[in-house]
Amino acid sequence: MTSNTEKQLLILQQNQQKRSKCLVYTRVMGYHRPVESFNIGKKGEHRQRTHFKEQHD
């Protein structure tokens, strides 16, 4: 019997070719920039930000 984690790893390995990289952009000083280009400090700061969802009536 395999554990849930082993099943998840097997599924990920089987679907590896279907996966693609997802770029996350954020607005910095009036323009959009990919988060992956941030330095270590800025990446940590981005992780600590509070994200919100705007409610529509």
PDB file of N, CA and C in Angstrom:
ATOM      1  N   MET A   1       0.843  -1.197   0.000  1.00  0.00           N
ATOM      2  CA  MET A   1       0.000   0.000   0.000  1.00  0.00           C
ATOM      3  C   MET A   1       0.876   1.244   0.000  1.00  0.00           C
ATOM      4  N   THR A   2       0.569   2.199  -0.893  1.00  0.00           N
ATOM      5  CA  THR A   2       1.373   3.425  -0.986  1.00  0.00           C
ATOM      6  C   THR A   2       0.697   4.555  -0.234  1.00  0.00           C
ATOM      7  N   SER A   3       1.504   5.477   0.256  1.00  0.00           N
ATOM      8  CA  SER A   3       0.951   6.608   0.999  1.00  0.00           C
ATOM      9  C   SER A   3       0.423   7.659   0.027  1.00  0.00           C
ATOM     10  N   ASN A   4      -0.317   8.594   0.566  1.00  0.00           N
ATOM     11  CA  ASN A   4      -0.895   9.679  -0.226  1.00  0.00           C
ATOM     12  C   ASN A   4       0.209  10.511  -0.881  1.00  0.00           C
ATOM     13  N   THR A   5       1.297  10.751  -0.165  1.00  0.00           N
ATOM     14  CA  THR A   5       2.415  11.530  -0.704  1.00  0.00           C
ATOM     15  C   THR A   5       3.055  10.816  -1.882  1.00  0.00           C
ATOM     16  N   GLU A   6       3.220   9.521  -1.780  1.00  0.00           N
ATOM     17  CA  GLU A   6       3.802   8.749  -2.880  1.00  0.00           C
ATOM     18  C   GLU A   6       2.895   8.791  -4.109  1.00  0.00           C
ATOM     19  N   LYS A   7       1.585   8.758  -3.901  1.00  0.00           N
ATOM     20  CA  LYS A   7       0.638   8.847  -5.011  1.00  0.00           C
ATOM     21  C   LYS A   7       0.743  10.213  -5.688  1.00  0.00           C
ATOM     22  N   GLN A   8       0.858  11.261  -4.875  1.00  0.00           N
ATOM     23  CA  GLN A   8       0.966  12.615  -5.429  1.00  0.00           C
ATOM     24  C   GLN A   8       2.246  12.759  -6.236  1.00  0.00           C
ATOM     25  N   LEU A   9       3.351  12.214  -5.736  1.00  0.00           N
ATOM     26  CA  LEU A   9       4.617  12.279  -6.464  1.00  0.00           C
ATOM     27  C   LEU A   9       4.534  11.520  -7.785  1.00  0.00           C
ATOM     28  N   LEU A  10       3.883  10.395  -7.774  1.00  0.00           N
ATOM     29  CA  LEU A  10       3.716   9.606  -8.995  1.00  0.00           C
ATOM     30  C   LEU A  10       2.906  10.383 -10.035  1.00  0.00           C
ATOM     31  N   ILE A  11       1.833  11.019  -9.594  1.00  0.00           N
ATOM     32  CA  ILE A  11       1.001  11.819 -10.506  1.00  0.00           C
ATOM     33  C   ILE A  11       1.808  12.985 -11.075  1.00  0.00           C
ATOM     34  N   LEU A  12       2.596  13.657 -10.233  1.00  0.00           N
ATOM     35  CA  LEU A  12       3.430  14.772 -10.703  1.00  0.00           C
ATOM     36  C   LEU A  12       4.444  14.300 -11.734  1.00  0.00           C
ATOM     37  N   GLN A  13       5.050  13.170 -11.492  1.00  0.00           N
ATOM     38  CA  GLN A  13       6.036  12.641 -12.430  1.00  0.00           C
ATOM     39  C   GLN A  13       5.387  12.284 -13.765  1.00  0.00           C
ATOM     40  N   GLN A  14       4.197  11.731 -13.721  1.00  0.00           N
ATOM     41  CA  GLN A  14       3.501  11.345 -14.946  1.00  0.00           C
ATOM     42  C   GLN A  14       3.084  12.564 -15.758  1.00  0.00           C
ATOM     43  N   ASN A  15       2.778  13.656 -15.096  1.00  0.00           N
ATOM     44  CA  ASN A  15       2.286  14.859 -15.774  1.00  0.00           C
ATOM     45  C   ASN A  15       3.365  15.920 -15.966  1.00  0.00           C
ATOM     46  N   GLN A  16       4.610  15.598 -15.716  1.00  0.00           N
ATOM     47  CA  GLN A  16       5.699  16.576 -15.776  1.00  0.00           C
ATOM     48  C   GLN A  16       5.786  17.248 -17.147  1.00  0.00           C
ATOM     49  N   GLN A  17       5.564  16.513 -18.222  1.00  0.00           N
ATOM     50  CA  GLN A  17       5.675  17.077 -19.565  1.00  0.00           C
ATOM     51  C   GLN A  17       4.553  18.066 -19.866  1.00  0.00           C
ATOM     52  N   LYS A  18       3.436  17.954 -19.191  1.00  0.00           N
ATOM     53  CA  LYS A  18       2.293  18.841 -19.421  1.00  0.00           C
ATOM     54  C   LYS A  18       2.417  20.155 -18.651  1.00  0.00           C
ATOM     55  N   ARG A  19       3.333  20.216 -17.710  1.00  0.00           N
ATOM     56  CA  ARG A  19       3.456  21.390 -16.857  1.00  0.00           C
ATOM     57  C   ARG A  19       4.165  22.529 -17.571  1.00  0.00           C
ATOM     58  N   SER A  20       3.840  23.752 -17.186  1.00  0.00           N
ATOM     59  CA  SER A  20       4.519  24.922 -17.729  1.00  0.00           C
ATOM     60  C   SER A  20       4.763  25.917 -16.587  1.00  0.00           C
ATOM     61  N   LYS A  21       5.718  26.772 -16.782  1.00  0.00           N
ATOM     62  CA  LYS A  21       6.090  27.742 -15.759  1.00  0.00           C
ATOM     63  C   LYS A  21       5.053  28.859 -15.692  1.00  0.00           C
ATOM     64  N   CYS A  22       4.683  29.247 -14.498  1.00  0.00           N
ATOM     65  CA  CYS A  22       3.723  30.316 -14.278  1.00  0.00           C
ATOM     66  C   CYS A  22       4.476  31.531 -13.746  1.00  0.00           C
ATOM     67  N   LEU A  23       4.416  32.643 -14.459  1.00  0.00           N
ATOM     68  CA  LEU A  23       5.070  33.864 -14.012  1.00  0.00           C
ATOM     69  C   LEU A  23       4.088  34.704 -13.208  1.00  0.00           C
ATOM     70  N   VAL A  24       4.554  35.197 -12.071  1.00  0.00           N
ATOM     71  CA  VAL A  24       3.734  36.051 -11.215  1.00  0.00           C
ATOM     72  C   VAL A  24       4.293  37.462 -11.334  1.00  0.00           C
ATOM     73  N   TYR A  25       3.433  38.408 -11.664  1.00  0.00           N
ATOM     74  CA  TYR A  25       3.831  39.801 -11.789  1.00  0.00           C
ATOM     75  C   TYR A  25       3.233  40.603 -10.647  1.00  0.00           C
ATOM     76  N   THR A  26       3.904  41.665 -10.251  1.00  0.00           N
ATOM     77  CA  THR A  26       3.385  42.574  -9.252  1.00  0.00           C
ATOM     78  C   THR A  26       3.679  43.995  -9.707  1.00  0.00           C
ATOM     79  N   ARG A  27       2.900  44.917  -9.230  1.00  0.00           N
ATOM     80  CA  ARG A  27       3.070  46.313  -9.625  1.00  0.00           C
ATOM     81  C   ARG A  27       4.079  46.971  -8.694  1.00  0.00           C
ATOM     82  N   VAL A  28       5.124  47.524  -9.275  1.00  0.00           N
ATOM     83  CA  VAL A  28       6.175  48.191  -8.500  1.00  0.00           C
ATOM     84  C   VAL A  28       6.416  49.562  -9.110  1.00  0.00           C
ATOM     85  N   MET A  29       6.221  50.589  -8.327  1.00  0.00           N
ATOM     86  CA  MET A  29       6.487  51.965  -8.762  1.00  0.00           C
ATOM     87  C   MET A  29       5.830  52.289 -10.106  1.00  0.00           C
ATOM     88  N   GLY A  30       4.596  51.873 -10.294  1.00  0.00           N
ATOM     89  CA  GLY A  30       3.838  52.249 -11.472  1.00  0.00           C
ATOM     90  C   GLY A  30       3.971  51.338 -12.671  1.00  0.00           C
ATOM     91  N   TYR A  31       4.779  50.292 -12.578  1.00  0.00           N
ATOM     92  CA  TYR A  31       4.871  49.352 -13.698  1.00  0.00           C
ATOM     93  C   TYR A  31       4.881  47.928 -13.167  1.00  0.00           C
ATOM     94  N   HIS A  32       4.624  46.971 -14.029  1.00  0.00           N
ATOM     95  CA  HIS A  32       4.538  45.568 -13.625  1.00  0.00           C
ATOM     96  C   HIS A  32       5.876  44.874 -13.835  1.00  0.00           C
ATOM     97  N   ARG A  33       6.249  44.061 -12.859  1.00  0.00           N
ATOM     98  CA  ARG A  33       7.529  43.359 -12.878  1.00  0.00           C
ATOM     99  C   ARG A  33       7.349  41.926 -12.418  1.00  0.00           C
ATOM    100  N   PRO A  34       8.050  40.959 -13.027  1.00  0.00           N
ATOM    101  CA  PRO A  34       7.937  39.570 -12.557  1.00  0.00           C
ATOM    102  C   PRO A  34       8.606  39.402 -11.195  1.00  0.00           C
ATOM    103  N   VAL A  35       7.947  38.692 -10.306  1.00  0.00           N
ATOM    104  CA  VAL A  35       8.454  38.481  -8.948  1.00  0.00           C
ATOM    105  C   VAL A  35       9.774  37.700  -8.976  1.00  0.00           C
ATOM    106  N   GLU A  36       9.953  36.812  -9.972  1.00  0.00           N
ATOM    107  CA  GLU A  36      11.178  36.003 -10.021  1.00  0.00           C
ATOM    108  C   GLU A  36      12.429  36.852 -10.217  1.00  0.00           C
ATOM    109  N   SER A  37      12.280  38.092 -10.709  1.00  0.00           N
ATOM    110  CA  SER A  37      13.447  38.949 -10.921  1.00  0.00           C
ATOM    111  C   SER A  37      13.825  39.737  -9.664  1.00  0.00           C
ATOM    112  N   PHE A  38      13.038  39.614  -8.593  1.00  0.00           N
ATOM    113  CA  PHE A  38      13.335  40.310  -7.336  1.00  0.00           C
ATOM    114  C   PHE A  38      14.557  39.701  -6.657  1.00  0.00           C
ATOM    115  N   ASN A  39      15.237  40.512  -5.847  1.00  0.00           N
ATOM    116  CA  ASN A  39      16.325  39.967  -5.033  1.00  0.00           C
ATOM    117  C   ASN A  39      15.722  39.251  -3.822  1.00  0.00           C
ATOM    118  N   ILE A  40      16.540  38.596  -3.024  1.00  0.00           N
ATOM    119  CA  ILE A  40      16.064  37.766  -1.905  1.00  0.00           C
ATOM    120  C   ILE A  40      15.207  38.567  -0.928  1.00  0.00           C
ATOM    121  N   GLY A  41      15.646  39.768  -0.591  1.00  0.00           N
ATOM    122  CA  GLY A  41      14.905  40.600   0.360  1.00  0.00           C
ATOM    123  C   GLY A  41      13.539  40.996  -0.158  1.00  0.00           C
ATOM    124  N   LYS A  42      13.486  41.388  -1.416  1.00  0.00           N
ATOM    125  CA  LYS A  42      12.215  41.808  -2.015  1.00  0.00           C
ATOM    126  C   LYS A  42      11.261  40.624  -2.162  1.00  0.00           C
ATOM    127  N   LYS A  43      11.786  39.412  -2.466  1.00  0.00           N
ATOM    128  CA  LYS A  43      10.944  38.214  -2.551  1.00  0.00           C
ATOM    129  C   LYS A  43      10.311  37.914  -1.191  1.00  0.00           C
ATOM    130  N   GLY A  44      11.099  38.039  -0.119  1.00  0.00           N
ATOM    131  CA  GLY A  44      10.574  37.814   1.224  1.00  0.00           C
ATOM    132  C   GLY A  44       9.506  38.832   1.578  1.00  0.00           C
ATOM    133  N   GLU A  45       9.752  40.080   1.208  1.00  0.00           N
ATOM    134  CA  GLU A  45       8.779  41.143   1.452  1.00  0.00           C
ATOM    135  C   GLU A  45       7.480  40.867   0.689  1.00  0.00           C
ATOM    136  N   HIS A  46       7.596  40.388  -0.535  1.00  0.00           N
ATOM    137  CA  HIS A  46       6.414  40.074  -1.347  1.00  0.00           C
ATOM    138  C   HIS A  46       5.597  38.951  -0.716  1.00  0.00           C
ATOM    139  N   ARG A  47       6.269  37.933  -0.160  1.00  0.00           N
ATOM    140  CA  ARG A  47       5.574  36.807   0.488  1.00  0.00           C
ATOM    141  C   ARG A  47       4.781  37.258   1.708  1.00  0.00           C
ATOM    142  N   GLN A  48       5.250  38.313   2.385  1.00  0.00           N
ATOM    143  CA  GLN A  48       4.593  38.766   3.607  1.00  0.00           C
ATOM    144  C   GLN A  48       3.425  39.720   3.348  1.00  0.00           C
ATOM    145  N   ARG A  49       3.252  40.155   2.132  1.00  0.00           N
ATOM    146  CA  ARG A  49       2.177  41.094   1.809  1.00  0.00           C
ATOM    147  C   ARG A  49       0.810  40.459   2.039  1.00  0.00           C
ATOM    148  N   THR A  50      -0.147  41.287   2.393  1.00  0.00           N
ATOM    149  CA  THR A  50      -1.521  40.840   2.575  1.00  0.00           C
ATOM    150  C   THR A  50      -2.239  40.953   1.244  1.00  0.00           C
ATOM    151  N   HIS A  51      -2.774  39.844   0.762  1.00  0.00           N
ATOM    152  CA  HIS A  51      -3.521  39.841  -0.492  1.00  0.00           C
ATOM    153  C   HIS A  51      -5.000  39.930  -0.183  1.00  0.00           C
ATOM    154  N   PHE A  52      -5.742  40.582  -1.011  1.00  0.00           N
ATOM    155  CA  PHE A  52      -7.179  40.716  -0.783  1.00  0.00           C
ATOM    156  C   PHE A  52      -7.935  40.496  -2.080  1.00  0.00           C
ATOM    157  N   LYS A  53      -9.201  40.175  -1.932  1.00  0.00           N
ATOM    158  CA  LYS A  53     -10.093  40.031  -3.079  1.00  0.00           C
ATOM    159  C   LYS A  53     -11.147  41.125  -2.996  1.00  0.00           C
ATOM    160  N   GLU A  54     -11.345  41.806  -4.095  1.00  0.00           N
ATOM    161  CA  GLU A  54     -12.340  42.867  -4.147  1.00  0.00           C
ATOM    162  C   GLU A  54     -13.716  42.244  -4.273  1.00  0.00           C
ATOM    163  N   GLN A  55     -14.643  42.689  -3.454  1.00  0.00           N
ATOM    164  CA  GLN A  55     -15.991  42.137  -3.493  1.00  0.00           C
ATOM    165  C   GLN A  55     -16.852  42.938  -4.461  1.00  0.00           C
ATOM    166  N   HIS A  56     -17.590  42.206  -5.282  1.00  0.00           N
ATOM    167  CA  HIS A  56     -18.478  42.833  -6.252  1.00  0.00           C
ATOM    168  C   HIS A  56     -19.917  42.693  -5.771  1.00  0.00           C
ATOM    169  N   ASP A  57     -20.674  43.765  -5.910  1.00  0.00           N
ATOM    170  CA  ASP A  57     -22.088  43.723  -5.493  1.00  0.00           C
ATOM    171  C   ASP A  57     -22.983  43.209  -6.583  1.00  0.00           C
TER     172      ASP A  57
END
